[in-house]
C-alpha atoms as a PDB file:
ATOM      1  CA  UNK A   1      63.675 172.085  80.295  1.00  0.00           C
ATOM      2  CA  UNK A   2      63.362 175.355  78.427  1.00  0.00           C
ATOM      3  CA  UNK A   3      65.209 174.400  75.150  1.00  0.00           C
ATOM      4  CA  UNK A   4      64.394 173.950  71.511  1.00  0.00           C
ATOM      5  CA  UNK A   5      63.503 170.316  70.664  1.00  0.00           C
ATOM      6  CA  UNK A   6      66.749 169.519  68.756  1.00  0.00           C
ATOM      7  CA  UNK A   7      68.930 170.923  71.586  1.00  0.00           C
ATOM      8  CA  UNK A   8      66.744 169.335  74.250  1.00  0.00           C
ATOM      9  CA  UNK A   9      67.111 165.866  72.642  1.00  0.00           C
ATOM     10  CA  UNK A  10      70.862 166.220  72.586  1.00  0.00           C
ATOM     11  CA  UNK A  11      71.019 167.433  76.149  1.00  0.00           C
ATOM     12  CA  UNK A  12      68.779 164.636  77.410  1.00  0.00           C
ATOM     13  CA  UNK A  13      70.715 161.993  75.555  1.00  0.00           C
ATOM     14  CA  UNK A  14      74.008 163.324  76.907  1.00  0.00           C
ATOM     15  CA  UNK A  15      72.615 163.228  80.441  1.00  0.00           C
ATOM     16  CA  UNK A  16      71.626 159.625  80.017  1.00  0.00           C
ATOM     17  CA  UNK A  17      74.963 158.722  78.497  1.00  0.00           C
ATOM     18  CA  UNK A  18      76.751 160.514  81.294  1.00  0.00           C
ATOM     19  CA  UNK A  19      75.901 157.802  83.757  1.00  0.00           C
ATOM     20  CA  UNK A  20      77.432 155.124  81.396  1.00  0.00           C
ATOM     21  CA  UNK A  21      80.536 157.283  81.143  1.00  0.00           C
ATOM     22  CA  UNK A  22      81.058 157.643  84.899  1.00  0.00           C
ATOM     23  CA  UNK A  23      79.522 161.116  85.422  1.00  0.00           C
ATOM     24  CA  UNK A  24      76.100 161.977  86.677  1.00  0.00           C
ATOM     25  CA  UNK A  25      73.208 163.087  84.619  1.00  0.00           C
ATOM     26  CA  UNK A  26      73.417 166.696  85.651  1.00  0.00           C
ATOM     27  CA  UNK A  27      77.010 167.037  84.575  1.00  0.00           C
ATOM     28  CA  UNK A  28      76.311 165.387  81.263  1.00  0.00           C
ATOM     29  CA  UNK A  29      73.409 167.813  80.577  1.00  0.00           C
ATOM     30  CA  UNK A  30      75.446 170.874  81.571  1.00  0.00           C
ATOM     31  CA  UNK A  31      78.291 169.833  79.320  1.00  0.00           C
ATOM     32  CA  UNK A  32      75.987 169.096  76.424  1.00  0.00           C
ATOM     33  CA  UNK A  33      74.265 172.491  76.624  1.00  0.00           C
ATOM     34  CA  UNK A  34      77.607 174.301  76.924  1.00  0.00           C
ATOM     35  CA  UNK A  35      78.878 172.256  73.875  1.00  0.00           C
ATOM     36  CA  UNK A  36      76.028 173.355  71.576  1.00  0.00           C
ATOM     37  CA  UNK A  37      75.609 176.859  72.973  1.00  0.00           C
ATOM     38  CA  UNK A  38      76.179 179.703  70.531  1.00  0.00           C
ATOM     39  CA  UNK A  39      77.525 181.886  73.308  1.00  0.00           C
ATOM     40  CA  UNK A  40      79.241 181.624  76.729  1.00  0.00           C
ATOM     41  CA  UNK A  41      76.696 180.649  79.429  1.00  0.00           C
ATOM     42  CA  UNK A  42      76.709 181.469  83.090  1.00  0.00           C
ATOM     43  CA  UNK A  43      75.267 179.402  85.956  1.00  0.00           C
ATOM     44  CA  UNK A  44      71.968 181.298  85.899  1.00  0.00           C
ATOM     45  CA  UNK A  45      71.627 180.521  82.188  1.00  0.00           C
ATOM     46  CA  UNK A  46      72.206 176.833  82.931  1.00  0.00           C
ATOM     47  CA  UNK A  47      69.688 176.790  85.842  1.00  0.00           C
ATOM     48  CA  UNK A  48      67.057 178.473  83.649  1.00  0.00           C
ATOM     49  CA  UNK A  49      67.609 176.325  80.540  1.00  0.00           C
ATOM     50  CA  UNK A  50      67.951 172.992  82.322  1.00  0.00           C
ATOM     51  CA  UNK A  51      65.669 173.415  85.280  1.00  0.00           C
ATOM     52  CA  UNK A  52      68.390 172.284  87.704  1.00  0.00           C
ATOM     53  CA  UNK A  53      69.171 173.657  91.142  1.00  0.00           C
ATOM     54  CA  UNK A  54      71.891 176.378  91.478  1.00  0.00           C
ATOM     55  CA  UNK A  55      73.896 174.082  93.718  1.00  0.00           C
ATOM     56  CA  UNK A  56      73.686 171.227  91.197  1.00  0.00           C
ATOM     57  CA  UNK A  57      74.873 173.468  88.386  1.00  0.00           C
ATOM     58  CA  UNK A  58      77.674 174.818  90.535  1.00  0.00           C
ATOM     59  CA  UNK A  59      78.931 171.377  91.461  1.00  0.00           C
ATOM     60  CA  UNK A  60      78.577 170.214  87.814  1.00  0.00           C
ATOM     61  CA  UNK A  61      80.688 173.156  86.566  1.00  0.00           C
ATOM     62  CA  UNK A  62      83.328 172.474  89.176  1.00  0.00           C
ATOM     63  CA  UNK A  63      83.515 168.753  88.076  1.00  0.00           C
ATOM     64  CA  UNK A  64      83.700 169.824  84.415  1.00  0.00           C
ATOM     65  CA  UNK A  65      86.506 172.261  85.312  1.00  0.00           C
ATOM     66  CA  UNK A  66      88.408 169.589  87.152  1.00  0.00           C
ATOM     67  CA  UNK A  67      88.314 167.518  83.949  1.00  0.00           C
ATOM     68  CA  UNK A  68      89.522 170.557  81.953  1.00  0.00           C
ATOM     69  CA  UNK A  69      86.415 170.217  79.736  1.00  0.00           C
ATOM     70  CA  UNK A  70      85.032 173.712  80.225  1.00  0.00           C
ATOM     71  CA  UNK A  71      86.868 177.014  80.173  1.00  0.00           C
ATOM     72  CA  UNK A  72      85.987 180.102  82.237  1.00  0.00           C
ATOM     73  CA  UNK A  73      85.115 183.252  80.223  1.00  0.00           C
ATOM     74  CA  UNK A  74      84.590 186.817  81.547  1.00  0.00           C
ATOM     75  CA  UNK A  75      82.432 189.111  79.439  1.00  0.00           C
ATOM     76  CA  UNK A  76      82.770 192.837  79.383  1.00  0.00           C
ATOM     77  CA  UNK A  77      80.492 194.612  81.911  1.00  0.00           C
ATOM     78  CA  UNK A  78      79.419 191.282  83.521  1.00  0.00           C
ATOM     79  CA  UNK A  79      80.945 190.160  86.723  1.00  0.00           C
ATOM     80  CA  UNK A  80      79.504 186.620  86.484  1.00  0.00           C
ATOM     81  CA  UNK A  81      81.593 183.689  85.385  1.00  0.00           C
ATOM     82  CA  UNK A  82      80.609 182.338  81.953  1.00  0.00           C
ATOM     83  CA  UNK A  83      81.652 178.965  80.574  1.00  0.00           C
ATOM     84  CA  UNK A  84      82.427 177.479  77.195  1.00  0.00           C
ATOM     85  CA  UNK A  85      83.756 174.241  75.832  1.00  0.00           C
ATOM     86  CA  UNK A  86      86.761 174.229  73.467  1.00  0.00           C
ATOM     87  CA  UNK A  87      85.678 174.876  69.883  1.00  0.00           C
ATOM     88  CA  UNK A  88      87.847 172.057  68.482  1.00  0.00           C
ATOM     89  CA  UNK A  89      86.237 168.663  69.008  1.00  0.00           C
ATOM     90  CA  UNK A  90      89.715 167.084  68.743  1.00  0.00           C
ATOM     91  CA  UNK A  91      90.949 169.139  71.708  1.00  0.00           C
ATOM     92  CA  UNK A  92      87.885 167.897  73.655  1.00  0.00           C
ATOM     93  CA  UNK A  93      88.615 164.250  72.653  1.00  0.00           C
ATOM     94  CA  UNK A  94      92.363 164.503  73.536  1.00  0.00           C
ATOM     95  CA  UNK A  95      91.409 166.125  76.855  1.00  0.00           C
ATOM     96  CA  UNK A  96      88.930 163.404  77.700  1.00  0.00           C
ATOM     97  CA  UNK A  97      91.417 160.689  76.888  1.00  0.00           C
ATOM     98  CA  UNK A  98      94.188 162.297  78.859  1.00  0.00           C
ATOM     99  CA  UNK A  99      91.992 162.866  81.903  1.00  0.00           C
ATOM    100  CA  UNK A 100      90.711 159.205  81.877  1.00  0.00           C
ATOM    101  CA  UNK A 101      94.279 158.033  81.513  1.00  0.00           C
ATOM    102  CA  UNK A 102      95.330 160.098  84.617  1.00  0.00           C
ATOM    103  CA  UNK A 103      92.356 158.957  86.609  1.00  0.00           C
ATOM    104  CA  UNK A 104      92.078 155.304  85.592  1.00  0.00           C
ATOM    105  CA  UNK A 105      95.171 153.964  83.818  1.00  0.00           C
ATOM    106  CA  UNK A 106      97.934 155.653  85.706  1.00  0.00           C
ATOM    107  CA  UNK A 107      96.730 154.521  89.137  1.00  0.00           C
ATOM    108  CA  UNK A 108      96.242 150.973  87.881  1.00  0.00           C
ATOM    109  CA  UNK A 109      99.752 150.910  86.503  1.00  0.00           C
ATOM    110  CA  UNK A 110     101.126 152.073  89.831  1.00  0.00           C
ATOM    111  CA  UNK A 111      99.331 149.308  91.699  1.00  0.00           C
ATOM    112  CA  UNK A 112     100.476 146.744  89.132  1.00  0.00           C
ATOM    113  CA  UNK A 113     104.159 147.841  89.469  1.00  0.00           C
ATOM    114  CA  UNK A 114     103.921 147.713  93.272  1.00  0.00           C
ATOM    115  CA  UNK A 115     102.403 144.209  93.277  1.00  0.00           C
ATOM    116  CA  UNK A 116     104.890 142.926  90.819  1.00  0.00           C
ATOM    117  CA  UNK A 117     107.790 144.032  93.025  1.00  0.00           C
ATOM    118  CA  UNK A 118     106.505 141.912  95.937  1.00  0.00           C
ATOM    119  CA  UNK A 119     107.826 138.386  96.479  1.00  0.00           C
ATOM    120  CA  UNK A 120     105.135 135.812  95.934  1.00  0.00           C
ATOM    121  CA  UNK A 121     104.508 133.524  98.901  1.00  0.00           C
ATOM    122  CA  UNK A 122     103.075 130.585  97.067  1.00  0.00           C
ATOM    123  CA  UNK A 123     102.177 129.203  93.648  1.00  0.00           C
ATOM    124  CA  UNK A 124      98.867 131.043  93.525  1.00  0.00           C
ATOM    125  CA  UNK A 125     100.534 134.398  94.082  1.00  0.00           C
ATOM    126  CA  UNK A 126     103.232 133.580  91.593  1.00  0.00           C
ATOM    127  CA  UNK A 127     100.534 132.789  88.997  1.00  0.00           C
ATOM    128  CA  UNK A 128      98.656 135.908  89.849  1.00  0.00           C
ATOM    129  CA  UNK A 129     101.859 138.021  89.472  1.00  0.00           C
ATOM    130  CA  UNK A 130     102.402 136.431  86.067  1.00  0.00           C
ATOM    131  CA  UNK A 131      98.915 137.517  84.980  1.00  0.00           C
ATOM    132  CA  UNK A 132      99.414 140.939  86.384  1.00  0.00           C
ATOM    133  CA  UNK A 133     102.704 141.210  84.505  1.00  0.00           C
ATOM    134  CA  UNK A 134     100.977 140.348  81.304  1.00  0.00           C
ATOM    135  CA  UNK A 135      98.260 142.939  82.029  1.00  0.00           C
ATOM    136  CA  UNK A 136     101.006 145.529  82.892  1.00  0.00           C
ATOM    137  CA  UNK A 137     102.885 144.861  79.615  1.00  0.00           C
ATOM    138  CA  UNK A 138      99.703 145.210  77.615  1.00  0.00           C
ATOM    139  CA  UNK A 139      98.726 148.499  79.122  1.00  0.00           C
ATOM    140  CA  UNK A 140     102.285 149.749  78.910  1.00  0.00           C
ATOM    141  CA  UNK A 141     102.259 149.018  75.163  1.00  0.00           C
ATOM    142  CA  UNK A 142      98.928 150.784  74.755  1.00  0.00           C
ATOM    143  CA  UNK A 143     100.016 153.846  76.749  1.00  0.00           C
ATOM    144  CA  UNK A 144     103.260 154.042  74.748  1.00  0.00           C
ATOM    145  CA  UNK A 145     101.180 153.984  71.613  1.00  0.00           C
ATOM    146  CA  UNK A 146      98.819 156.619  73.107  1.00  0.00           C
ATOM    147  CA  UNK A 147     101.774 158.874  73.871  1.00  0.00           C
ATOM    148  CA  UNK A 148     102.881 158.688  70.281  1.00  0.00           C
ATOM    149  CA  UNK A 149      99.430 159.347  68.918  1.00  0.00           C
ATOM    150  CA  UNK A 150      98.898 162.240  71.402  1.00  0.00           C
ATOM    151  CA  UNK A 151     101.903 164.020  69.890  1.00  0.00           C
ATOM    152  CA  UNK A 152     100.476 163.830  66.349  1.00  0.00           C
ATOM    153  CA  UNK A 153      99.140 166.893  64.821  1.00  0.00           C
ATOM    154  CA  UNK A 154      95.317 166.664  64.483  1.00  0.00           C
ATOM    155  CA  UNK A 155      95.531 166.430  60.689  1.00  0.00           C
ATOM    156  CA  UNK A 156      97.901 163.406  60.927  1.00  0.00           C
ATOM    157  CA  UNK A 157      95.655 161.842  63.540  1.00  0.00           C
ATOM    158  CA  UNK A 158      92.623 162.188  61.362  1.00  0.00           C
ATOM    159  CA  UNK A 159      94.599 160.526  58.534  1.00  0.00           C
ATOM    160  CA  UNK A 160      95.585 157.730  60.722  1.00  0.00           C
ATOM    161  CA  UNK A 161      92.056 157.081  61.987  1.00  0.00           C
ATOM    162  CA  UNK A 162      90.704 157.287  58.466  1.00  0.00           C
ATOM    163  CA  UNK A 163      92.868 154.455  57.414  1.00  0.00           C
ATOM    164  CA  UNK A 164      90.669 151.991  59.417  1.00  0.00           C
ATOM    165  CA  UNK A 165      91.251 148.406  58.190  1.00  0.00           C
ATOM    166  CA  UNK A 166      93.510 149.594  55.395  1.00  0.00           C
ATOM    167  CA  UNK A 167      96.314 149.736  58.014  1.00  0.00           C
ATOM    168  CA  UNK A 168      96.143 145.886  58.193  1.00  0.00           C
ATOM    169  CA  UNK A 169      96.644 145.765  54.451  1.00  0.00           C
ATOM    170  CA  UNK A 170      99.667 148.118  54.729  1.00  0.00           C
ATOM    171  CA  UNK A 171     101.186 145.804  57.463  1.00  0.00           C
ATOM    172  CA  UNK A 172     100.574 142.730  55.364  1.00  0.00           C
ATOM    173  CA  UNK A 173     102.256 144.503  52.437  1.00  0.00           C
ATOM    174  CA  UNK A 174     105.207 145.422  54.696  1.00  0.00           C
ATOM    175  CA  UNK A 175     105.468 141.791  55.814  1.00  0.00           C
ATOM    176  CA  UNK A 176     105.531 140.546  52.201  1.00  0.00           C
ATOM    177  CA  UNK A 177     108.002 143.242  51.238  1.00  0.00           C
ATOM    178  CA  UNK A 178     110.494 142.275  53.826  1.00  0.00           C
ATOM    179  CA  UNK A 179     109.912 138.543  53.686  1.00  0.00           C
ATOM    180  CA  UNK A 180     112.739 136.471  52.258  1.00  0.00           C
ATOM    181  CA  UNK A 181     112.405 133.057  50.656  1.00  0.00           C
ATOM    182  CA  UNK A 182     112.622 130.323  53.236  1.00  0.00           C
ATOM    183  CA  UNK A 183     110.485 132.144  55.835  1.00  0.00           C
ATOM    184  CA  UNK A 184     113.274 134.312  57.348  1.00  0.00           C
ATOM    185  CA  UNK A 185     113.030 138.031  57.585  1.00  0.00           C
ATOM    186  CA  UNK A 186     115.657 140.478  56.721  1.00  0.00           C
ATOM    187  CA  UNK A 187     117.246 142.326  59.668  1.00  0.00           C
ATOM    188  CA  UNK A 188     116.051 145.776  60.390  1.00  0.00           C
ATOM    189  CA  UNK A 189     112.357 145.097  59.664  1.00  0.00           C
END
């Protein structure tokens, strides 16, 4: 690898983490270098900097494009394709979450819905369907919450995430505020 030590450490770490995130090391390294690069890079730049094969870089770039994590840039007087990552880390995070949802959550929800529509043939299948229903409901709740959060402006999202455990205190305050003597809640809460 032909990179300054700080950048090389980041790129190597991202390559190692890539395998834990479901991408290969090469894709992780390519993304990391594009992320920290101070200019758009082309495939030859990536081959030279990372010591990877041209074919590996090409396949890695295609995978990153399929995830919408890199953008194609054309430079004046240069016919080669250059690549960059979005400047805004929140755009990157939102893209990652959306792509993972499309690839992992949505297909799971489709299968759960199909299985829950089937008529169980015995007690074991009925029990399994009940468990699947609980899983479906939980994922449905989380995806509805995700849809709400995805619509938030970045500034609001940062505020929400910055609340941390204070959100629990706000919910406890709301519970006390709407509690009525005798343990009953007022309607509309």
